[in-house]
PDB file of N, CA and C in Angstrom:
ATOM      1  N   MET A   1      90.895 101.496 100.131  1.00  0.00           N
ATOM      2  CA  MET A   1      91.698 102.230 101.085  1.00  0.00           C
ATOM      3  C   MET A   1      92.623 103.166 100.332  1.00  0.00           C
ATOM      4  N   SER A   2      92.991 104.219 101.001  1.00  0.00           N
ATOM      5  CA  SER A   2      93.870 105.212 100.401  1.00  0.00           C
ATOM      6  C   SER A   2      95.002 105.542 101.346  1.00  0.00           C
ATOM      7  N   LEU A   3      96.156 105.778 100.775  1.00  0.00           N
ATOM      8  CA  LEU A   3      97.277 106.301 101.545  1.00  0.00           C
ATOM      9  C   LEU A   3      97.070 107.799 101.638  1.00  0.00           C
ATOM     10  N   VAL A   4      96.831 108.317 102.840  1.00  0.00           N
ATOM     11  CA  VAL A   4      96.557 109.742 102.979  1.00  0.00           C
ATOM     12  C   VAL A   4      97.747 110.531 103.484  1.00  0.00           C
ATOM     13  N   TRP A   5      98.722 109.853 104.040  1.00  0.00           N
ATOM     14  CA  TRP A   5      99.908 110.566 104.515  1.00  0.00           C
ATOM     15  C   TRP A   5     101.052 109.593 104.677  1.00  0.00           C
ATOM     16  N   GLU A   6     102.223 110.013 104.252  1.00  0.00           N
ATOM     17  CA  GLU A   6     103.433 109.244 104.485  1.00  0.00           C
ATOM     18  C   GLU A   6     104.556 110.246 104.685  1.00  0.00           C
ATOM     19  N   GLY A   7     105.264 110.122 105.769  1.00  0.00           N
ATOM     20  CA  GLY A   7     106.323 111.071 106.056  1.00  0.00           C
ATOM     21  C   GLY A   7     107.147 110.629 107.241  1.00  0.00           C
ATOM     22  N   ARG A   8     107.895 111.547 107.769  1.00  0.00           N
ATOM     23  CA  ARG A   8     108.765 111.244 108.905  1.00  0.00           C
ATOM     24  C   ARG A   8     108.456 112.194 110.057  1.00  0.00           C
ATOM     25  N   VAL A   9     108.397 111.618 111.243  1.00  0.00           N
ATOM     26  CA  VAL A   9     108.240 112.372 112.484  1.00  0.00           C
ATOM     27  C   VAL A   9     109.352 111.905 113.404  1.00  0.00           C
ATOM     28  N   TYR A  10     110.173 112.809 113.847  1.00  0.00           N
ATOM     29  CA  TYR A  10     111.315 112.459 114.704  1.00  0.00           C
ATOM     30  C   TYR A  10     112.171 111.358 114.078  1.00  0.00           C
ATOM     31  N   LYS A  11     112.413 111.460 112.782  1.00  0.00           N
ATOM     32  CA  LYS A  11     113.250 110.525 112.020  1.00  0.00           C
ATOM     33  C   LYS A  11     112.641 109.135 111.871  1.00  0.00           C
ATOM     34  N   LEU A  12     111.395 108.946 112.286  1.00  0.00           N
ATOM     35  CA  LEU A  12     110.708 107.667 112.123  1.00  0.00           C
ATOM     36  C   LEU A  12     109.706 107.792 110.983  1.00  0.00           C
ATOM     37  N   LYS A  13     109.604 106.760 110.170  1.00  0.00           N
ATOM     38  CA  LYS A  13     108.666 106.783 109.058  1.00  0.00           C
ATOM     39  C   LYS A  13     107.256 106.505 109.562  1.00  0.00           C
ATOM     40  N   ASP A  14     106.305 107.335 109.157  1.00  0.00           N
ATOM     41  CA  ASP A  14     104.904 107.169 109.523  1.00  0.00           C
ATOM     42  C   ASP A  14     104.072 107.043 108.256  1.00  0.00           C
ATOM     43  N   THR A  15     103.033 106.233 108.330  1.00  0.00           N
ATOM     44  CA  THR A  15     102.120 106.046 107.214  1.00  0.00           C
ATOM     45  C   THR A  15     100.701 106.023 107.758  1.00  0.00           C
ATOM     46  N   ALA A  16      99.784 106.715 107.088  1.00  0.00           N
ATOM     47  CA  ALA A  16      98.370 106.695 107.461  1.00  0.00           C
ATOM     48  C   ALA A  16      97.570 106.136 106.290  1.00  0.00           C
ATOM     49  N   ILE A  17      96.798 105.091 106.559  1.00  0.00           N
ATOM     50  CA  ILE A  17      95.970 104.468 105.529  1.00  0.00           C
ATOM     51  C   ILE A  17      94.531 104.477 106.031  1.00  0.00           C
ATOM     52  N   VAL A  18      93.620 104.991 105.205  1.00  0.00           N
ATOM     53  CA  VAL A  18      92.233 105.142 105.636  1.00  0.00           C
ATOM     54  C   VAL A  18      91.340 105.280 104.401  1.00  0.00           C
ATOM     55  N   THR A  19      90.055 105.013 104.566  1.00  0.00           N
ATOM     56  CA  THR A  19      89.114 105.253 103.468  1.00  0.00           C
ATOM     57  C   THR A  19      88.578 106.674 103.568  1.00  0.00           C
ATOM     58  N   GLY A  20      88.154 107.214 102.450  1.00  0.00           N
ATOM     59  CA  GLY A  20      87.583 108.558 102.436  1.00  0.00           C
ATOM     60  C   GLY A  20      86.340 108.660 103.305  1.00  0.00           C
ATOM     61  N   SER A  21      85.503 107.621 103.282  1.00  0.00           N
ATOM     62  CA  SER A  21      84.283 107.657 104.095  1.00  0.00           C
ATOM     63  C   SER A  21      84.612 107.654 105.586  1.00  0.00           C
ATOM     64  N   ASN A  22      85.671 106.939 105.989  1.00  0.00           N
ATOM     65  CA  ASN A  22      86.048 106.935 107.406  1.00  0.00           C
ATOM     66  C   ASN A  22      86.613 108.278 107.848  1.00  0.00           C
ATOM     67  N   ILE A  23      87.326 108.970 106.972  1.00  0.00           N
ATOM     68  CA  ILE A  23      87.819 110.312 107.313  1.00  0.00           C
ATOM     69  C   ILE A  23      86.639 111.246 107.556  1.00  0.00           C
ATOM     70  N   ARG A  24      85.621 111.161 106.698  1.00  0.00           N
ATOM     71  CA  ARG A  24      84.433 112.012 106.876  1.00  0.00           C
ATOM     72  C   ARG A  24      83.708 111.676 108.178  1.00  0.00           C
ATOM     73  N   LEU A  25      83.596 110.386 108.510  1.00  0.00           N
ATOM     74  CA  LEU A  25      82.952 109.994 109.767  1.00  0.00           C
ATOM     75  C   LEU A  25      83.735 110.508 110.972  1.00  0.00           C
ATOM     76  N   LEU A  26      85.055 110.358 110.953  1.00  0.00           N
ATOM     77  CA  LEU A  26      85.871 110.861 112.063  1.00  0.00           C
ATOM     78  C   LEU A  26      85.730 112.369 112.208  1.00  0.00           C
ATOM     79  N   ALA A  27      85.694 113.073 111.092  1.00  0.00           N
ATOM     80  CA  ALA A  27      85.571 114.531 111.138  1.00  0.00           C
ATOM     81  C   ALA A  27      84.250 114.962 111.769  1.00  0.00           C
ATOM     82  N   ALA A  28      83.223 114.134 111.648  1.00  0.00           N
ATOM     83  CA  ALA A  28      81.910 114.474 112.194  1.00  0.00           C
ATOM     84  C   ALA A  28      81.756 114.122 113.675  1.00  0.00           C
ATOM     85  N   MET A  29      82.647 113.328 114.219  1.00  0.00           N
ATOM     86  CA  MET A  29      82.535 112.884 115.611  1.00  0.00           C
ATOM     87  C   MET A  29      83.136 113.901 116.575  1.00  0.00           C
ATOM     88  N   ARG A  30      82.524 114.042 117.730  1.00  0.00           N
ATOM     89  CA  ARG A  30      83.015 114.974 118.745  1.00  0.00           C
ATOM     90  C   ARG A  30      84.123 114.378 119.599  1.00  0.00           C
ATOM     91  N   THR A  31      84.120 113.054 119.755  1.00  0.00           N
ATOM     92  CA  THR A  31      85.096 112.400 120.626  1.00  0.00           C
ATOM     93  C   THR A  31      85.780 111.267 119.877  1.00  0.00           C
ATOM     94  N   TRP A  32      87.088 111.233 119.989  1.00  0.00           N
ATOM     95  CA  TRP A  32      87.876 110.150 119.415  1.00  0.00           C
ATOM     96  C   TRP A  32      88.579 109.407 120.536  1.00  0.00           C
ATOM     97  N   GLY A  33      88.789 108.116 120.344  1.00  0.00           N
ATOM     98  CA  GLY A  33      89.637 107.327 121.233  1.00  0.00           C
ATOM     99  C   GLY A  33      90.859 106.885 120.442  1.00  0.00           C
ATOM    100  N   MET A  34      92.016 106.946 121.066  1.00  0.00           N
ATOM    101  CA  MET A  34      93.252 106.572 120.374  1.00  0.00           C
ATOM    102  C   MET A  34      94.032 105.582 121.221  1.00  0.00           C
ATOM    103  N   ASP A  35      94.734 104.677 120.540  1.00  0.00           N
ATOM    104  CA  ASP A  35      95.493 103.656 121.247  1.00  0.00           C
ATOM    105  C   ASP A  35      96.715 103.286 120.423  1.00  0.00           C
ATOM    106  N   GLY A  36      97.788 103.025 121.102  1.00  0.00           N
ATOM    107  CA  GLY A  36      99.012 102.568 120.446  1.00  0.00           C
ATOM    108  C   GLY A  36      99.502 101.302 121.118  1.00  0.00           C
ATOM    109  N   THR A  37     100.042 100.395 120.331  1.00  0.00           N
ATOM    110  CA  THR A  37     100.573  99.159 120.883  1.00  0.00           C
ATOM    111  C   THR A  37     101.879  98.801 120.190  1.00  0.00           C
ATOM    112  N   PHE A  38     102.731  98.128 120.921  1.00  0.00           N
ATOM    113  CA  PHE A  38     104.006  97.675 120.392  1.00  0.00           C
ATOM    114  C   PHE A  38     104.072  96.155 120.293  1.00  0.00           C
ATOM    115  N   LYS A  39     103.173  95.435 120.970  1.00  0.00           N
ATOM    116  CA  LYS A  39     103.326  93.991 121.157  1.00  0.00           C
ATOM    117  C   LYS A  39     102.757  93.132 120.037  1.00  0.00           C
ATOM    118  N   VAL A  40     101.752  93.599 119.310  1.00  0.00           N
ATOM    119  CA  VAL A  40     101.077  92.724 118.354  1.00  0.00           C
ATOM    120  C   VAL A  40     101.460  92.990 116.905  1.00  0.00           C
ATOM    121  N   VAL A  41     102.433  93.805 116.663  1.00  0.00           N
ATOM    122  CA  VAL A  41     102.829  94.122 115.292  1.00  0.00           C
ATOM    123  C   VAL A  41     104.075  93.331 114.899  1.00  0.00           C
ATOM    124  N   PRO A  42     104.263  93.078 113.607  1.00  0.00           N
ATOM    125  CA  PRO A  42     105.489  92.394 113.180  1.00  0.00           C
ATOM    126  C   PRO A  42     106.731  93.175 113.610  1.00  0.00           C
ATOM    127  N   GLN A  43     107.837  92.484 113.713  1.00  0.00           N
ATOM    128  CA  GLN A  43     109.065  93.099 114.223  1.00  0.00           C
ATOM    129  C   GLN A  43     109.501  94.295 113.385  1.00  0.00           C
ATOM    130  N   TRP A  44     109.264  94.268 112.078  1.00  0.00           N
ATOM    131  CA  TRP A  44     109.707  95.375 111.231  1.00  0.00           C
ATOM    132  C   TRP A  44     108.846  96.618 111.394  1.00  0.00           C
ATOM    133  N   TYR A  45     107.682  96.503 112.094  1.00  0.00           N
ATOM    134  CA  TYR A  45     106.919  97.685 112.500  1.00  0.00           C
ATOM    135  C   TYR A  45     107.377  98.089 113.889  1.00  0.00           C
ATOM    136  N   GLN A  46     107.323  99.350 114.191  1.00  0.00           N
ATOM    137  CA  GLN A  46     107.687  99.811 115.523  1.00  0.00           C
ATOM    138  C   GLN A  46     106.454  99.927 116.416  1.00  0.00           C
ATOM    139  N   GLN A  47     105.332 100.393 115.837  1.00  0.00           N
ATOM    140  CA  GLN A  47     104.143 100.621 116.646  1.00  0.00           C
ATOM    141  C   GLN A  47     102.921 100.665 115.737  1.00  0.00           C
ATOM    142  N   LEU A  48     101.788 100.200 116.264  1.00  0.00           N
ATOM    143  CA  LEU A  48     100.504 100.341 115.592  1.00  0.00           C
ATOM    144  C   LEU A  48      99.694 101.340 116.400  1.00  0.00           C
ATOM    145  N   PHE A  49      99.226 102.393 115.755  1.00  0.00           N
ATOM    146  CA  PHE A  49      98.451 103.435 116.420  1.00  0.00           C
ATOM    147  C   PHE A  49      97.099 103.506 115.727  1.00  0.00           C
ATOM    148  N   THR A  50      96.020 103.387 116.486  1.00  0.00           N
ATOM    149  CA  THR A  50      94.679 103.392 115.908  1.00  0.00           C
ATOM    150  C   THR A  50      93.852 104.535 116.479  1.00  0.00           C
ATOM    151  N   ILE A  51      92.893 104.987 115.678  1.00  0.00           N
ATOM    152  CA  ILE A  51      91.967 106.045 116.093  1.00  0.00           C
ATOM    153  C   ILE A  51      90.555 105.485 115.954  1.00  0.00           C
ATOM    154  N   HIS A  52      89.742 105.654 116.983  1.00  0.00           N
ATOM    155  CA  HIS A  52      88.385 105.120 117.018  1.00  0.00           C
ATOM    156  C   HIS A  52      87.411 106.235 117.374  1.00  0.00           C
ATOM    157  N   ALA A  53      86.173 106.094 116.900  1.00  0.00           N
ATOM    158  CA  ALA A  53      85.103 107.013 117.283  1.00  0.00           C
ATOM    159  C   ALA A  53      83.811 106.210 117.385  1.00  0.00           C
ATOM    160  N   LEU A  54      82.968 106.550 118.342  1.00  0.00           N
ATOM    161  CA  LEU A  54      81.677 105.887 118.510  1.00  0.00           C
ATOM    162  C   LEU A  54      80.707 106.483 117.493  1.00  0.00           C
ATOM    163  N   TYR A  55      80.257 105.646 116.570  1.00  0.00           N
ATOM    164  CA  TYR A  55      79.378 106.114 115.494  1.00  0.00           C
ATOM    165  C   TYR A  55      77.910 105.974 115.867  1.00  0.00           C
ATOM    166  N   ARG A  56      77.534 104.803 116.367  1.00  0.00           N
ATOM    167  CA  ARG A  56      76.147 104.573 116.786  1.00  0.00           C
ATOM    168  C   ARG A  56      76.143 103.794 118.084  1.00  0.00           C
ATOM    169  N   ALA A  57      75.469 104.307 119.065  1.00  0.00           N
ATOM    170  CA  ALA A  57      75.304 103.577 120.322  1.00  0.00           C
ATOM    171  C   ALA A  57      74.146 102.599 120.152  1.00  0.00           C
ATOM    172  N   THR A  58      74.305 101.396 120.697  1.00  0.00           N
ATOM    173  CA  THR A  58      73.220 100.410 120.571  1.00  0.00           C
ATOM    174  C   THR A  58      72.521 100.236 121.892  1.00  0.00           C
TER     175      THR A  58
END
């Protein structure tokens, strides 16, 4: 895994961790799904935000 971005947005610290192969796969997809949650992360995190793409339909 690689840290691809770390910075601040609206005074909140943001970090993006991803593999190079997953970035290439996301770039090739036409549709992404995104979701954010506040309930399942440790208290010292504010939010978990995930990005998903359908790679192969079965």
